[in-house]
Amino acid sequence: MESEFEMIDLGLMKFFLGIEVQQYESGNFISQSKYASEVLKRFNISNCKAAPTPVITSLKLSKDDDGSTADRTLFKRIVGILMYLTSKRPDIMYGVLV
């Protein structure tokens, strides 16, 4: 490829699309902890409590007729970010969708 295209060696990959990559001789390690921290800061929930499970299993949702209208754009943005975050973690995706 170097004969056809001008290329520059940037070294080992460290971050790619929100994924932190650590490369070792024994194998590679990927993490999204930095991306998840940035998401928490972005939506001002960085001081939230950790939970042992991704969802509350006994929670019953109900319609709130008297409540205020939610911001649809913000809701779609949050859902999209969470879908991207969980797409690399099938264990979390399964727990949320079931």
N, C-alpha and C. Protein backbone atom coordinates (compact mmCIF):
# COMPACT_ATOMS: atom_id res chain seq x y z
N MET A 1 0.80 -1.19 0.00
CA MET A 1 0.00 0.00 0.00
C MET A 1 0.85 1.26 0.00
N GLU A 2 2.01 1.17 0.63
CA GLU A 2 2.88 2.35 0.69
C GLU A 2 3.36 2.78 -0.69
N SER A 3 3.44 1.83 -1.64
CA SER A 3 3.87 2.18 -2.99
C SER A 3 2.77 2.94 -3.75
N GLU A 4 1.51 2.72 -3.39
CA GLU A 4 0.39 3.35 -4.07
C GLU A 4 -0.10 4.63 -3.37
N PHE A 5 -0.01 4.66 -2.04
CA PHE A 5 -0.56 5.76 -1.26
C PHE A 5 0.49 6.37 -0.36
N GLU A 6 0.37 7.67 -0.13
CA GLU A 6 1.25 8.33 0.83
C GLU A 6 0.74 7.98 2.23
N MET A 7 1.61 7.44 3.06
CA MET A 7 1.21 6.97 4.38
C MET A 7 2.15 7.48 5.44
N ILE A 8 1.63 7.61 6.65
CA ILE A 8 2.41 8.00 7.81
C ILE A 8 2.13 6.99 8.91
N ASP A 9 3.17 6.51 9.56
CA ASP A 9 3.01 5.57 10.66
C ASP A 9 2.72 6.37 11.93
N LEU A 10 1.52 6.22 12.47
CA LEU A 10 1.13 6.93 13.68
C LEU A 10 1.38 6.11 14.94
N GLY A 11 1.94 4.94 14.81
CA GLY A 11 2.21 4.09 15.96
C GLY A 11 1.01 3.23 16.30
N LEU A 12 1.03 2.67 17.49
CA LEU A 12 -0.06 1.81 17.92
C LEU A 12 -1.33 2.62 18.17
N MET A 13 -2.46 2.03 17.86
CA MET A 13 -3.75 2.68 18.08
C MET A 13 -4.03 2.75 19.58
N LYS A 14 -4.47 3.93 20.05
CA LYS A 14 -4.82 4.09 21.46
C LYS A 14 -6.31 4.32 21.65
N PHE A 15 -6.91 5.14 20.79
CA PHE A 15 -8.35 5.41 20.84
C PHE A 15 -8.94 5.31 19.44
N PHE A 16 -10.13 4.73 19.35
CA PHE A 16 -10.81 4.62 18.07
C PHE A 16 -12.31 4.61 18.32
N LEU A 17 -13.01 5.63 17.84
CA LEU A 17 -14.47 5.73 17.95
C LEU A 17 -14.96 5.52 19.38
N GLY A 18 -14.32 6.17 20.34
CA GLY A 18 -14.75 6.07 21.73
C GLY A 18 -14.26 4.83 22.45
N ILE A 19 -13.46 4.03 21.80
CA ILE A 19 -12.95 2.80 22.40
C ILE A 19 -11.46 2.97 22.69
N GLU A 20 -11.08 2.73 23.93
CA GLU A 20 -9.67 2.77 24.30
C GLU A 20 -9.07 1.41 24.02
N VAL A 21 -7.95 1.38 23.32
CA VAL A 21 -7.30 0.12 22.93
C VAL A 21 -5.92 0.06 23.56
N GLN A 22 -5.66 -1.01 24.28
CA GLN A 22 -4.33 -1.26 24.84
C GLN A 22 -3.82 -2.55 24.20
N GLN A 23 -2.67 -2.45 23.55
CA GLN A 23 -2.14 -3.60 22.82
C GLN A 23 -0.94 -4.17 23.56
N TYR A 24 -1.00 -5.45 23.82
CA TYR A 24 0.07 -6.17 24.49
C TYR A 24 0.49 -7.35 23.63
N GLU A 25 1.63 -7.93 23.91
CA GLU A 25 2.06 -9.11 23.17
C GLU A 25 1.12 -10.28 23.42
N SER A 26 0.54 -10.35 24.62
CA SER A 26 -0.36 -11.46 24.95
C SER A 26 -1.76 -11.26 24.38
N GLY A 27 -2.10 -10.05 23.93
CA GLY A 27 -3.42 -9.79 23.36
C GLY A 27 -3.80 -8.32 23.51
N ASN A 28 -4.98 -7.99 23.07
CA ASN A 28 -5.47 -6.63 23.12
C ASN A 28 -6.54 -6.49 24.18
N PHE A 29 -6.64 -5.31 24.76
CA PHE A 29 -7.65 -5.00 25.76
C PHE A 29 -8.39 -3.75 25.29
N ILE A 30 -9.73 -3.83 25.23
CA ILE A 30 -10.51 -2.65 24.85
C ILE A 30 -11.41 -2.25 26.01
N SER A 31 -11.64 -0.94 26.11
CA SER A 31 -12.43 -0.40 27.20
C SER A 31 -13.15 0.85 26.72
N GLN A 32 -14.29 1.14 27.31
CA GLN A 32 -15.01 2.36 27.01
C GLN A 32 -15.19 3.22 28.26
N SER A 33 -14.35 3.03 29.26
CA SER A 33 -14.53 3.76 30.52
C SER A 33 -14.39 5.27 30.33
N LYS A 34 -13.47 5.71 29.49
CA LYS A 34 -13.32 7.14 29.25
C LYS A 34 -14.55 7.70 28.53
N TYR A 35 -15.06 6.97 27.54
CA TYR A 35 -16.26 7.39 26.81
C TYR A 35 -17.45 7.47 27.76
N ALA A 36 -17.61 6.47 28.62
CA ALA A 36 -18.72 6.44 29.57
C ALA A 36 -18.61 7.61 30.55
N SER A 37 -17.41 7.91 31.01
CA SER A 37 -17.21 9.06 31.91
C SER A 37 -17.56 10.37 31.23
N GLU A 38 -17.19 10.51 29.96
CA GLU A 38 -17.53 11.72 29.20
C GLU A 38 -19.04 11.86 29.02
N VAL A 39 -19.73 10.74 28.81
CA VAL A 39 -21.19 10.76 28.67
C VAL A 39 -21.83 11.22 29.98
N LEU A 40 -21.35 10.69 31.10
CA LEU A 40 -21.89 11.09 32.40
C LEU A 40 -21.68 12.59 32.64
N LYS A 41 -20.51 13.10 32.30
CA LYS A 41 -20.24 14.53 32.47
C LYS A 41 -21.12 15.36 31.54
N ARG A 42 -21.31 14.90 30.32
CA ARG A 42 -22.08 15.64 29.32
C ARG A 42 -23.52 15.87 29.76
N PHE A 43 -24.11 14.89 30.44
CA PHE A 43 -25.49 15.00 30.88
C PHE A 43 -25.60 15.33 32.37
N ASN A 44 -24.52 15.79 32.97
CA ASN A 44 -24.48 16.23 34.37
C ASN A 44 -24.96 15.16 35.35
N ILE A 45 -24.53 13.94 35.14
CA ILE A 45 -24.87 12.85 36.06
C ILE A 45 -23.62 12.09 36.49
N SER A 46 -22.50 12.80 36.55
CA SER A 46 -21.24 12.13 36.89
C SER A 46 -21.18 11.73 38.37
N ASN A 47 -22.07 12.26 39.19
CA ASN A 47 -22.09 11.90 40.61
C ASN A 47 -23.14 10.84 40.93
N CYS A 48 -23.63 10.13 39.91
CA CYS A 48 -24.67 9.13 40.14
C CYS A 48 -24.09 7.91 40.86
N LYS A 49 -24.98 7.15 41.47
CA LYS A 49 -24.58 5.94 42.18
C LYS A 49 -24.46 4.78 41.20
N ALA A 50 -23.50 3.92 41.43
CA ALA A 50 -23.35 2.71 40.62
C ALA A 50 -24.41 1.69 41.04
N ALA A 51 -24.81 0.85 40.10
CA ALA A 51 -25.81 -0.17 40.38
C ALA A 51 -25.25 -1.53 40.02
N PRO A 52 -25.61 -2.58 40.78
CA PRO A 52 -25.09 -3.92 40.46
C PRO A 52 -25.68 -4.50 39.19
N THR A 53 -26.87 -4.03 38.79
CA THR A 53 -27.48 -4.49 37.54
C THR A 53 -27.79 -3.27 36.68
N PRO A 54 -27.83 -3.44 35.36
CA PRO A 54 -28.06 -2.29 34.49
C PRO A 54 -29.46 -1.69 34.60
N VAL A 55 -30.44 -2.46 35.05
CA VAL A 55 -31.81 -1.95 35.20
C VAL A 55 -32.39 -2.46 36.52
N ILE A 56 -33.41 -1.75 37.00
CA ILE A 56 -34.12 -2.19 38.19
C ILE A 56 -35.14 -3.23 37.73
N THR A 57 -35.00 -4.46 38.19
CA THR A 57 -35.81 -5.56 37.68
C THR A 57 -37.26 -5.50 38.15
N SER A 58 -37.55 -4.90 39.29
CA SER A 58 -38.91 -4.88 39.81
C SER A 58 -39.65 -3.57 39.52
N LEU A 59 -39.06 -2.69 38.73
CA LEU A 59 -39.66 -1.39 38.45
C LEU A 59 -40.85 -1.53 37.51
N LYS A 60 -41.98 -0.93 37.88
CA LYS A 60 -43.18 -0.91 37.05
C LYS A 60 -43.33 0.51 36.49
N LEU A 61 -43.33 0.64 35.18
CA LEU A 61 -43.49 1.94 34.55
C LEU A 61 -44.96 2.23 34.34
N SER A 62 -45.33 3.50 34.51
CA SER A 62 -46.72 3.90 34.28
C SER A 62 -46.74 5.26 33.59
N LYS A 63 -47.83 5.54 32.92
CA LYS A 63 -47.99 6.79 32.22
C LYS A 63 -48.22 7.92 33.22
N ASP A 64 -47.56 9.04 33.02
CA ASP A 64 -47.70 10.21 33.88
C ASP A 64 -48.45 11.29 33.10
N ASP A 65 -49.77 11.31 33.24
CA ASP A 65 -50.59 12.28 32.51
C ASP A 65 -50.36 13.71 32.96
N ASP A 66 -49.99 13.91 34.21
CA ASP A 66 -49.81 15.26 34.75
C ASP A 66 -48.40 15.78 34.60
N GLY A 67 -47.48 14.95 34.15
CA GLY A 67 -46.07 15.34 34.06
C GLY A 67 -45.80 16.27 32.88
N SER A 68 -44.63 16.87 32.90
CA SER A 68 -44.24 17.77 31.81
C SER A 68 -43.76 16.96 30.60
N THR A 69 -43.82 17.58 29.43
CA THR A 69 -43.40 16.93 28.21
C THR A 69 -41.88 16.81 28.19
N ALA A 70 -41.40 15.65 27.81
CA ALA A 70 -39.95 15.41 27.74
C ALA A 70 -39.38 16.04 26.47
N ASP A 71 -38.12 16.42 26.54
CA ASP A 71 -37.42 16.96 25.38
C ASP A 71 -37.07 15.78 24.46
N ARG A 72 -37.73 15.69 23.33
CA ARG A 72 -37.56 14.55 22.43
C ARG A 72 -36.14 14.47 21.88
N THR A 73 -35.55 15.62 21.55
CA THR A 73 -34.20 15.63 20.99
C THR A 73 -33.20 15.10 22.01
N LEU A 74 -33.31 15.57 23.25
CA LEU A 74 -32.41 15.12 24.30
C LEU A 74 -32.59 13.62 24.55
N PHE A 75 -33.84 13.17 24.59
CA PHE A 75 -34.11 11.75 24.80
C PHE A 75 -33.50 10.90 23.69
N LYS A 76 -33.68 11.29 22.43
CA LYS A 76 -33.11 10.55 21.31
C LYS A 76 -31.59 10.53 21.37
N ARG A 77 -31.00 11.64 21.77
CA ARG A 77 -29.54 11.72 21.88
C ARG A 77 -29.03 10.75 22.94
N ILE A 78 -29.69 10.74 24.11
CA ILE A 78 -29.28 9.84 25.19
C ILE A 78 -29.43 8.38 24.77
N VAL A 79 -30.56 8.05 24.15
CA VAL A 79 -30.79 6.66 23.71
C VAL A 79 -29.74 6.24 22.69
N GLY A 80 -29.42 7.11 21.74
CA GLY A 80 -28.40 6.79 20.74
C GLY A 80 -27.04 6.56 21.36
N ILE A 81 -26.67 7.40 22.31
CA ILE A 81 -25.38 7.24 22.99
C ILE A 81 -25.35 5.94 23.78
N LEU A 82 -26.43 5.62 24.48
CA LEU A 82 -26.48 4.37 25.24
C LEU A 82 -26.46 3.15 24.34
N MET A 83 -27.11 3.24 23.19
CA MET A 83 -27.08 2.12 22.24
C MET A 83 -25.66 1.90 21.74
N TYR A 84 -24.94 2.99 21.43
CA TYR A 84 -23.55 2.85 20.98
C TYR A 84 -22.69 2.27 22.09
N LEU A 85 -22.88 2.77 23.31
CA LEU A 85 -22.08 2.31 24.44
C LEU A 85 -22.30 0.82 24.71
N THR A 86 -23.55 0.38 24.64
CA THR A 86 -23.85 -1.02 24.95
C THR A 86 -23.62 -1.96 23.78
N SER A 87 -23.42 -1.43 22.57
CA SER A 87 -23.22 -2.32 21.42
C SER A 87 -21.92 -3.12 21.53
N LYS A 88 -20.98 -2.65 22.31
CA LYS A 88 -19.73 -3.38 22.53
C LYS A 88 -19.82 -4.29 23.75
N ARG A 89 -20.94 -4.20 24.48
CA ARG A 89 -21.13 -4.99 25.69
C ARG A 89 -22.43 -5.78 25.61
N PRO A 90 -22.42 -6.94 24.97
CA PRO A 90 -23.66 -7.72 24.83
C PRO A 90 -24.28 -8.09 26.17
N ASP A 91 -23.48 -8.21 27.23
CA ASP A 91 -24.05 -8.55 28.54
C ASP A 91 -24.94 -7.43 29.05
N ILE A 92 -24.56 -6.18 28.83
CA ILE A 92 -25.39 -5.06 29.25
C ILE A 92 -26.59 -4.93 28.31
N MET A 93 -26.37 -5.06 27.03
CA MET A 93 -27.47 -4.94 26.06
C MET A 93 -28.56 -5.98 26.36
N TYR A 94 -28.17 -7.20 26.66
CA TYR A 94 -29.13 -8.26 26.96
C TYR A 94 -29.92 -7.92 28.21
N GLY A 95 -29.24 -7.43 29.25
CA GLY A 95 -29.91 -7.10 30.49
C GLY A 95 -30.92 -5.98 30.34
N VAL A 96 -30.68 -5.04 29.45
CA VAL A 96 -31.58 -3.92 29.24
C VAL A 96 -32.75 -4.31 28.37
N LEU A 97 -32.53 -5.14 27.36
CA LEU A 97 -33.59 -5.47 26.42
C LEU A 97 -34.54 -6.56 26.92
N VAL A 98 -34.11 -7.35 27.88
CA VAL A 98 -34.96 -8.46 28.34
C VAL A 98 -36.04 -7.96 29.27
